[in-house]
Amino acid sequence: MTTSSQTPTGQRFADLAPLSEALSALIAEFAELPRPYVVLHTTLTGIGLQLSDPAEFELWREALALPPGEVDLAVTPAMAWLHVSGRYRGVAFDLTGHGVLVSVEQSLAPRGVEAVAA
C-alpha cells in the first residue's frame, strides 16, 4: 500500500485548524455568554452559532459588534428566526436566534422577490 499527500477531494483534515482555533477563541473570549448550539461547517468552513431565544441572540450580536441593521428576520409558516453573518478571526460564522414570535398574518405574508416567484 502506498500513501499520498493528496486527498481525493483536495481537502485535508488540517484545513479545519482555523475553524477549531476560532471556536476555541470564541469560547475563551465569550465564556460568560449563553451557550449556543454550535455547528461546524466543514465543507464551507464556517461556524454556526444557534440560540433558542432572541434575547440571547442579542447578547451575542452585541458582543460580536454586529450592526443591528444587518440582522435579517426569516419567517416561514412554521417558525421565525433572526440571522446575521460575520467573520471572527478570519472564519465565517452565522448567528441565529430562534423563538421569535410572529402573528399568523406575518408568517403567511409574501417575502421579497423570491417569495413571489415561488
Protein backbone atom coordinates (compact mmCIF):
# COMPACT_ATOMS: atom_id res chain seq x y z
CA MET A 1 0.00 0.00 0.00
CA THR A 2 1.25 3.47 -0.84
CA THR A 3 0.23 6.76 0.67
CA SER A 4 -0.06 10.14 -0.92
CA SER A 5 -0.18 13.66 0.44
CA GLN A 6 -3.02 14.36 -1.97
CA THR A 7 -6.58 13.62 -0.92
CA PRO A 8 -9.28 12.77 -3.47
CA THR A 9 -11.20 15.98 -2.70
CA GLY A 10 -8.16 18.21 -2.24
CA GLN A 11 -9.30 18.93 1.32
CA ARG A 12 -7.27 17.85 4.31
CA PHE A 13 -8.25 17.45 7.93
CA ALA A 14 -5.58 20.02 8.78
CA ASP A 15 -7.59 22.59 6.78
CA LEU A 16 -10.01 22.69 9.71
CA ALA A 17 -7.40 24.18 12.05
CA PRO A 18 -8.60 27.80 11.58
CA LEU A 19 -12.15 26.66 12.37
CA SER A 20 -11.03 24.94 15.56
CA GLU A 21 -8.87 27.90 16.57
CA ALA A 22 -11.72 30.37 16.01
CA LEU A 23 -14.12 28.23 18.05
CA SER A 24 -11.60 27.98 20.89
CA ALA A 25 -11.11 31.76 20.81
CA LEU A 26 -14.90 32.35 20.86
CA ILE A 27 -15.17 30.13 23.94
CA ALA A 28 -12.32 31.94 25.69
CA GLU A 29 -13.47 35.46 24.81
CA PHE A 30 -17.19 34.99 25.40
CA ALA A 31 -17.23 32.36 28.14
CA GLU A 32 -19.94 34.14 30.12
CA LEU A 33 -22.43 34.44 27.25
CA PRO A 34 -25.29 31.93 26.91
CA ARG A 35 -24.12 28.63 25.44
CA PRO A 36 -25.20 28.28 21.80
CA TYR A 37 -25.82 25.14 19.83
CA VAL A 38 -22.64 25.00 17.73
CA VAL A 39 -22.43 23.64 14.20
CA LEU A 40 -19.07 23.27 12.49
CA HIS A 41 -19.47 23.50 8.74
CA THR A 42 -16.53 21.55 7.40
CA THR A 43 -17.36 21.77 3.70
CA LEU A 44 -17.64 25.54 3.50
CA THR A 45 -15.50 26.01 6.63
CA GLY A 46 -17.62 28.09 8.96
CA ILE A 47 -19.22 28.11 12.37
CA GLY A 48 -22.94 28.18 13.14
CA LEU A 49 -24.00 29.61 16.50
CA GLN A 50 -27.68 28.93 17.18
CA LEU A 51 -29.55 30.36 20.14
CA SER A 52 -33.06 29.42 21.23
CA ASP A 53 -34.02 32.89 22.44
CA PRO A 54 -33.95 36.33 20.75
CA ALA A 55 -32.55 37.94 23.92
CA GLU A 56 -29.60 35.53 23.90
CA PHE A 57 -29.11 36.27 20.20
CA GLU A 58 -28.91 39.98 21.04
CA LEU A 59 -26.25 39.38 23.70
CA TRP A 60 -24.11 37.56 21.14
CA ARG A 61 -24.78 40.10 18.38
CA GLU A 62 -23.67 42.95 20.63
CA ALA A 63 -20.60 41.06 21.88
CA LEU A 64 -19.52 40.34 18.31
CA ALA A 65 -20.14 44.01 17.38
CA LEU A 66 -22.53 43.12 14.56
CA PRO A 67 -24.68 46.07 13.43
CA PRO A 68 -28.40 45.63 14.18
CA GLY A 69 -29.21 46.78 10.64
CA GLU A 70 -27.56 43.65 9.23
CA VAL A 71 -29.89 41.28 11.11
CA ASP A 72 -32.43 39.51 8.91
CA LEU A 73 -35.76 38.14 10.09
CA ALA A 74 -36.56 34.82 8.45
CA VAL A 75 -40.22 33.80 8.61
CA THR A 76 -41.96 30.62 7.48
CA PRO A 77 -45.49 29.46 8.29
CA ALA A 78 -43.99 27.22 10.98
CA MET A 79 -41.34 29.42 12.62
CA ALA A 80 -39.32 32.63 12.61
CA TRP A 81 -35.71 33.37 13.50
CA LEU A 82 -33.09 36.10 13.42
CA HIS A 83 -29.94 35.71 11.31
CA VAL A 84 -26.72 37.62 10.79
CA SER A 85 -23.37 36.58 9.30
CA GLY A 86 -19.89 37.76 10.06
CA ARG A 87 -16.26 36.77 10.40
CA TYR A 88 -14.33 36.04 13.56
CA ARG A 89 -10.57 35.63 13.39
CA GLY A 90 -10.90 35.14 9.65
CA VAL A 91 -13.53 32.39 9.88
CA ALA A 92 -17.09 32.87 8.58
CA PHE A 93 -19.91 32.40 11.05
CA ASP A 94 -23.70 32.51 11.10
CA LEU A 95 -25.50 33.64 14.23
CA THR A 96 -29.17 32.66 14.51
CA GLY A 97 -31.72 33.35 17.20
CA HIS A 98 -34.82 31.19 17.29
CA GLY A 99 -38.02 31.58 19.29
CA VAL A 100 -39.14 34.74 17.53
CA LEU A 101 -42.89 35.18 17.90
CA VAL A 102 -44.82 36.45 14.88
CA SER A 103 -48.52 36.61 14.10
CA VAL A 104 -50.23 34.24 11.67
CA GLU A 105 -50.57 37.12 9.21
CA GLN A 106 -46.84 37.87 9.42
CA SER A 107 -45.94 34.23 8.92
CA LEU A 108 -48.08 33.96 5.79
CA ALA A 109 -47.09 37.30 4.20
CA PRO A 110 -45.04 37.19 0.96
CA ARG A 111 -41.34 37.81 1.48
CA GLY A 112 -39.46 39.69 -1.23
CA VAL A 113 -38.91 38.66 -4.82
CA GLU A 114 -38.07 35.03 -4.06
CA ALA A 115 -41.37 34.56 -2.19
CA VAL A 116 -43.40 35.99 -5.07
CA ALA A 117 -41.60 33.76 -7.60
CA ALA A 118 -42.18 30.61 -5.54
